[in-house]
Amino acid sequence: MRKILLCLSFIFYTFATGYSEQIKVVYYGVVSASSDSNMIKMAQDIFLTQLKSINYITVEDKRPDSGKSMQSLPEFSEENSSIIFYAEIDEIVSDSLQKTWNCKFNAMNPDDEIYHTKSETYDSYYKILSGAKSAIEDVLSDFLPEKKEGAIADSTSTESGNTVTTFSGNIDIESLSGTWYGEPFTDKIMILRGGRGFIIFKNGATMNIKVTIKKADAKGNAKEIEISQVGKSNASFFPELPREIALNAASTATPIAWNFTIKSGELIGTKKTLLLAENGISAKEGTLKTTWFRK
């Protein structure tokens, strides 16, 4: 009876507050017997990063050893109704010696001890990096009641059939966190809480980025933002250029920067990057029009 009352109280409180209180998730890391310790370490680190990027939860890192995976599940301590989350990764080697990774994401509420799981198979670490967040969100969304208007951003459909998200409430760096798309040569654009993030290119390169508010209205709502490259340039950051030209120009290239205005769920503006010069054999700095849409 106590467990039922606690669960009902949690649901009522979540509805009443419109998710003003974030759901607490305790992350225990990865259980795996794989011999590829480097890959498992990177995977469990990215799972933590992806958890932290979900705007309706807070995360406590309770990995017994952040430097390696677990061989078996630990004893879960009393979590005061926090959601327990961990992943299981199995390394599968085919007859052709091709590796794939079966990832099972597990979430459990100690109040009822019911597990919610989702399994996905990936053929590379890159696929885990780019695809795991949606599986993690699917598992954790099972613990939420129906989304209320104004709690998590509303979704509408574009003419192309893609789903974009409109903002509600104050628009700041935190509200921009999530997954974006719109660049033709990118696979995924991720903005994390705190204004950091990364871009995964279709060629496999990853660029770290930061978000800065350039202009805000009297209420503090962001109107114009800059998203800029962090770290050294890489030829793979310039997929618009022929490879040899990109290799020659990357070492002296100015960091790529996007300047956007915010309009009902879209980031509309320009990208300052390297473009092919008129002579066709070198690069020059220029700008492209671009729009990012939020998934």
Protein backbone atom coordinates (compact mmCIF):
# COMPACT_ATOMS: atom_id res chain seq x y z
CA MET A 1 0.00 0.00 0.00
CA ARG A 2 2.83 2.43 0.83
CA LYS A 3 4.38 1.88 -2.62
CA ILE A 4 1.02 2.52 -4.33
CA LEU A 5 0.50 5.73 -2.35
CA LEU A 6 4.02 6.95 -3.17
CA CYS A 7 3.50 6.26 -6.87
CA LEU A 8 0.11 8.03 -6.91
CA SER A 9 1.61 10.98 -5.04
CA PHE A 10 4.42 11.24 -7.58
CA ILE A 11 1.98 11.22 -10.52
CA PHE A 12 -0.33 13.80 -8.90
CA TYR A 13 2.59 16.05 -8.03
CA THR A 14 3.99 15.87 -11.57
CA PHE A 15 0.62 16.86 -13.05
CA ALA A 16 0.07 19.63 -10.53
CA THR A 17 3.44 21.24 -11.06
CA GLY A 18 3.53 20.86 -14.84
CA TYR A 19 7.00 19.26 -14.59
CA SER A 20 8.41 22.27 -12.76
CA GLU A 21 10.23 19.67 -10.64
CA GLN A 22 12.58 17.56 -12.71
CA ILE A 23 12.62 13.80 -12.41
CA LYS A 24 15.74 12.45 -10.74
CA VAL A 25 17.59 9.62 -12.49
CA VAL A 26 20.43 7.67 -10.89
CA TYR A 27 22.91 6.38 -13.48
CA TYR A 28 24.80 3.16 -12.70
CA GLY A 29 26.73 2.87 -15.95
CA VAL A 30 27.16 -0.16 -18.20
CA VAL A 31 27.19 -3.89 -17.58
CA SER A 32 29.29 -5.71 -20.18
CA ALA A 33 31.61 -8.66 -20.61
CA SER A 34 33.13 -7.21 -23.80
CA SER A 35 36.90 -7.27 -24.11
CA ASP A 36 36.81 -3.92 -25.95
CA SER A 37 37.19 -1.85 -22.79
CA ASN A 38 37.92 1.42 -24.61
CA MET A 39 34.69 1.27 -26.59
CA ILE A 40 32.64 0.36 -23.52
CA LYS A 41 34.23 3.20 -21.54
CA MET A 42 33.40 5.71 -24.30
CA ALA A 43 29.86 4.36 -24.59
CA GLN A 44 29.08 4.66 -20.90
CA ASP A 45 30.49 8.20 -20.85
CA ILE A 46 28.33 9.25 -23.81
CA PHE A 47 25.24 7.70 -22.16
CA LEU A 48 25.83 9.99 -19.17
CA THR A 49 26.22 13.00 -21.48
CA GLN A 50 23.02 12.09 -23.31
CA LEU A 51 21.12 11.69 -20.05
CA LYS A 52 22.26 15.13 -18.92
CA SER A 53 21.04 16.66 -22.19
CA ILE A 54 17.41 15.61 -21.54
CA ASN A 55 15.76 18.74 -20.24
CA TYR A 56 13.16 17.20 -17.91
CA ILE A 57 15.49 15.10 -15.74
CA THR A 58 18.42 15.57 -13.37
CA VAL A 59 21.11 12.92 -13.21
CA GLU A 60 23.24 11.56 -10.38
CA ASP A 61 26.27 9.56 -11.48
CA LYS A 62 26.55 6.47 -9.26
CA ARG A 63 28.86 4.35 -11.36
CA PRO A 64 30.94 2.12 -9.04
CA ASP A 65 33.97 2.81 -11.26
CA SER A 66 33.68 5.47 -13.99
CA GLY A 67 36.82 4.09 -15.65
CA LYS A 68 35.38 0.72 -16.61
CA SER A 69 32.16 -1.20 -17.05
CA MET A 70 30.52 -3.49 -14.49
CA GLN A 71 30.65 -7.27 -14.86
CA SER A 72 27.38 -7.67 -12.98
CA LEU A 73 24.70 -5.46 -11.51
CA PRO A 74 25.51 -3.72 -8.21
CA GLU A 75 23.23 -3.67 -5.20
CA PHE A 76 20.91 -0.71 -5.73
CA SER A 77 20.79 1.53 -2.69
CA GLU A 78 17.62 3.23 -1.44
CA GLU A 79 17.03 5.94 -4.03
CA ASN A 80 14.01 7.77 -2.55
CA SER A 81 11.87 7.11 -5.63
CA SER A 82 14.61 8.10 -8.09
CA ILE A 83 14.61 6.26 -11.40
CA ILE A 84 17.48 3.77 -11.63
CA PHE A 85 19.08 3.66 -15.09
CA TYR A 86 21.81 1.46 -16.55
CA ALA A 87 22.72 -0.17 -19.87
CA GLU A 88 23.80 -3.65 -20.86
CA ILE A 89 26.09 -4.06 -23.89
CA ASP A 90 26.77 -7.39 -25.59
CA GLU A 91 29.53 -7.66 -28.18
CA ILE A 92 28.47 -9.87 -31.10
CA VAL A 93 31.03 -11.10 -33.64
CA SER A 94 29.70 -12.51 -36.91
CA ASP A 95 31.24 -15.30 -38.99
CA SER A 96 32.95 -12.58 -41.05
CA LEU A 97 34.46 -11.17 -37.82
CA GLN A 98 32.27 -8.06 -38.09
CA LYS A 99 31.42 -6.65 -34.66
CA THR A 100 28.00 -5.36 -33.65
CA TRP A 101 26.86 -4.07 -30.29
CA ASN A 102 23.52 -4.96 -28.73
CA CYS A 103 22.59 -2.25 -26.22
CA LYS A 104 19.76 -2.78 -23.77
CA PHE A 105 18.72 0.35 -21.86
CA ASN A 106 17.06 -0.31 -18.51
CA ALA A 107 15.12 2.02 -16.22
CA MET A 108 13.35 1.04 -13.01
CA ASN A 109 11.32 2.86 -10.38
CA PRO A 110 12.12 1.36 -6.94
CA ASP A 111 8.57 2.13 -5.80
CA ASP A 112 7.08 -0.61 -7.97
CA GLU A 113 10.26 -2.43 -9.14
CA ILE A 114 8.92 -2.61 -12.70
CA TYR A 115 11.59 -2.45 -15.39
CA HIS A 116 11.18 -0.50 -18.63
CA THR A 117 13.65 -1.51 -21.34
CA LYS A 118 14.56 -0.87 -24.95
CA SER A 119 17.13 -2.75 -27.04
CA GLU A 120 18.99 -1.47 -30.09
CA THR A 121 21.79 -2.96 -32.18
CA TYR A 122 24.60 -0.75 -33.51
CA ASP A 123 27.43 -1.66 -35.87
CA SER A 124 29.92 0.95 -34.61
CA TYR A 125 30.66 3.33 -31.76
CA TYR A 126 29.67 6.17 -34.09
CA LYS A 127 26.19 4.66 -34.43
CA ILE A 128 25.94 4.41 -30.63
CA LEU A 129 27.01 8.05 -30.33
CA SER A 130 24.43 9.25 -32.84
CA GLY A 131 21.53 6.93 -32.08
CA ALA A 132 21.44 6.02 -28.40
CA LYS A 133 19.77 9.17 -27.09
CA SER A 134 16.44 8.44 -28.76
CA ALA A 135 16.39 4.97 -27.18
CA ILE A 136 17.25 6.44 -23.76
CA GLU A 137 14.45 9.01 -24.09
CA ASP A 138 11.99 6.29 -25.11
CA VAL A 139 12.72 4.35 -21.93
CA LEU A 140 12.55 7.33 -19.60
CA SER A 141 9.38 8.74 -21.21
CA ASP A 142 7.54 5.69 -19.83
CA PHE A 143 7.78 7.30 -16.39
CA LEU A 144 6.03 10.51 -17.46
CA PRO A 145 2.28 11.11 -17.62
CA GLU A 146 0.88 12.70 -20.79
CA LYS A 147 2.88 15.80 -21.72
CA LYS A 148 1.14 19.01 -20.70
CA GLU A 149 1.10 22.10 -22.86
CA GLY A 150 3.94 24.38 -21.86
CA ALA A 151 5.86 21.69 -19.95
CA ILE A 152 8.05 20.13 -22.58
CA ALA A 153 7.94 22.00 -25.90
CA ASP A 154 4.96 21.30 -28.17
CA SER A 155 5.44 19.47 -31.44
CA THR A 156 4.10 20.45 -34.84
CA SER A 157 4.65 19.01 -38.31
CA THR A 158 6.41 20.72 -41.17
CA GLU A 159 5.33 20.38 -44.79
CA SER A 160 8.13 17.90 -45.35
CA GLY A 161 6.66 15.61 -42.69
CA ASN A 162 9.49 16.14 -40.19
CA THR A 163 8.66 17.00 -36.60
CA VAL A 164 9.89 20.31 -35.21
CA THR A 165 9.47 21.80 -31.76
CA THR A 166 8.16 25.21 -30.80
CA PHE A 167 9.39 26.95 -27.68
CA SER A 168 7.18 27.78 -24.72
CA GLY A 169 8.10 30.02 -21.80
CA ASN A 170 11.44 31.79 -21.58
CA ILE A 171 13.92 31.20 -24.39
CA ASP A 172 17.45 30.80 -23.05
CA ILE A 173 20.41 28.51 -23.57
CA GLU A 174 18.83 25.78 -21.44
CA SER A 175 15.66 25.75 -23.56
CA LEU A 176 17.76 25.27 -26.71
CA SER A 177 19.10 21.92 -25.49
CA GLY A 178 18.13 18.94 -27.59
CA THR A 179 18.70 17.41 -31.01
CA TRP A 180 18.66 19.55 -34.15
CA TYR A 181 18.99 18.97 -37.89
CA GLY A 182 19.14 21.02 -41.08
CA GLU A 183 22.76 20.96 -42.21
CA PRO A 184 22.95 18.83 -45.38
CA PHE A 185 26.30 17.19 -44.49
CA THR A 186 25.55 16.46 -40.82
CA ASP A 187 23.98 13.41 -39.22
CA LYS A 188 23.09 14.96 -35.86
CA ILE A 189 23.41 18.29 -34.04
CA MET A 190 23.25 18.09 -30.25
CA ILE A 191 23.00 21.10 -27.92
CA LEU A 192 23.48 20.21 -24.25
CA ARG A 193 22.38 22.09 -21.17
CA GLY A 194 24.94 24.72 -20.24
CA GLY A 195 25.50 25.82 -23.82
CA ARG A 196 27.89 23.13 -24.99
CA GLY A 197 27.26 20.50 -27.63
CA PHE A 198 28.59 18.66 -30.64
CA ILE A 199 27.90 18.07 -34.33
CA ILE A 200 28.28 14.64 -35.91
CA PHE A 201 29.03 14.80 -39.62
CA LYS A 202 27.96 12.15 -42.11
CA ASN A 203 31.66 11.53 -42.83
CA GLY A 204 32.14 10.46 -39.19
CA ALA A 205 33.83 13.62 -37.83
CA THR A 206 32.65 15.20 -34.57
CA MET A 207 32.90 18.95 -33.87
CA ASN A 208 32.47 20.43 -30.39
CA ILE A 209 30.39 23.62 -30.26
CA LYS A 210 29.32 26.30 -27.79
CA VAL A 211 26.23 28.53 -27.72
CA THR A 212 26.33 32.25 -26.86
CA ILE A 213 23.38 34.62 -26.59
CA LYS A 214 24.16 37.74 -28.65
CA LYS A 215 20.89 39.65 -28.18
CA ALA A 216 17.93 39.33 -25.78
CA ASP A 217 14.68 41.23 -25.23
CA ALA A 218 13.70 43.15 -22.08
CA LYS A 219 12.41 39.95 -20.45
CA GLY A 220 15.69 38.13 -21.07
CA ASN A 221 14.43 35.97 -23.92
CA ALA A 222 17.14 35.17 -26.46
CA LYS A 223 16.57 36.75 -29.87
CA GLU A 224 19.93 36.20 -31.54
CA ILE A 225 22.51 33.50 -30.77
CA GLU A 226 25.93 32.47 -32.01
CA ILE A 227 26.98 28.84 -32.22
CA SER A 228 30.70 28.42 -32.77
CA GLN A 229 33.25 25.68 -33.25
CA VAL A 230 35.40 24.77 -30.25
CA GLY A 231 38.87 23.40 -30.88
CA LYS A 232 41.08 23.04 -33.93
CA SER A 233 39.68 22.76 -37.42
CA ASN A 234 39.59 19.46 -39.26
CA ALA A 235 39.35 18.98 -43.00
CA SER A 236 36.25 16.86 -42.38
CA PHE A 237 34.48 19.97 -41.03
CA PHE A 238 34.37 21.31 -44.59
CA PRO A 239 32.50 18.62 -46.57
CA GLU A 240 31.39 21.26 -49.10
CA LEU A 241 34.99 21.42 -50.35
CA PRO A 242 36.96 18.90 -52.41
CA ARG A 243 39.03 16.82 -50.00
CA GLU A 244 42.47 18.04 -51.09
CA ILE A 245 41.45 21.69 -50.85
CA ALA A 246 39.94 21.09 -47.40
CA LEU A 247 43.15 19.41 -46.22
CA ASN A 248 45.25 22.38 -47.36
CA ALA A 249 42.95 25.00 -45.85
CA ALA A 250 41.94 23.42 -42.53
CA SER A 251 45.14 24.18 -40.59
CA THR A 252 44.68 27.95 -40.92
CA ALA A 253 40.88 28.09 -41.03
CA THR A 254 38.93 30.41 -38.73
CA PRO A 255 36.53 28.48 -36.44
CA ILE A 256 33.16 27.90 -38.09
CA ALA A 257 30.35 30.05 -36.64
CA TRP A 258 26.59 30.22 -37.05
CA ASN A 259 24.57 33.36 -36.33
CA PHE A 260 20.89 32.68 -35.79
CA THR A 261 17.64 34.42 -34.97
CA ILE A 262 15.03 32.34 -33.15
CA LYS A 263 11.56 31.93 -34.62
CA SER A 264 8.94 29.42 -33.38
CA GLY A 265 11.18 26.43 -33.02
CA GLU A 266 13.60 27.25 -35.84
CA LEU A 267 17.08 28.73 -35.85
CA ILE A 268 17.35 30.86 -38.99
CA GLY A 269 20.55 32.56 -40.11
CA THR A 270 23.95 32.13 -41.69
CA LYS A 271 26.99 29.88 -41.40
CA LYS A 272 30.47 31.40 -41.67
CA THR A 273 32.79 28.75 -43.12
CA LEU A 274 35.20 27.96 -45.95
CA LEU A 275 33.82 27.87 -49.49
CA LEU A 276 35.36 27.03 -52.83
CA ALA A 277 37.07 30.08 -54.35
CA GLU A 278 36.27 31.30 -57.86
CA ASN A 279 39.49 29.75 -59.21
CA GLY A 280 38.24 26.30 -58.22
CA ILE A 281 41.56 25.27 -56.68
CA SER A 282 41.54 27.03 -53.27
CA ALA A 283 39.20 27.97 -50.43
CA LYS A 284 37.93 31.31 -49.23
CA GLU A 285 35.94 32.44 -46.20
CA GLY A 286 32.26 33.01 -46.91
CA THR A 287 28.73 32.61 -45.58
CA LEU A 288 25.85 30.26 -46.34
CA LYS A 289 22.18 30.61 -45.44
CA THR A 290 21.01 27.85 -43.14
CA THR A 291 18.09 26.83 -40.92
CA TRP A 292 18.15 24.36 -38.04
CA PHE A 293 15.04 22.49 -36.97
CA ARG A 294 14.56 20.89 -33.61
CA LYS A 295 13.58 17.22 -33.41
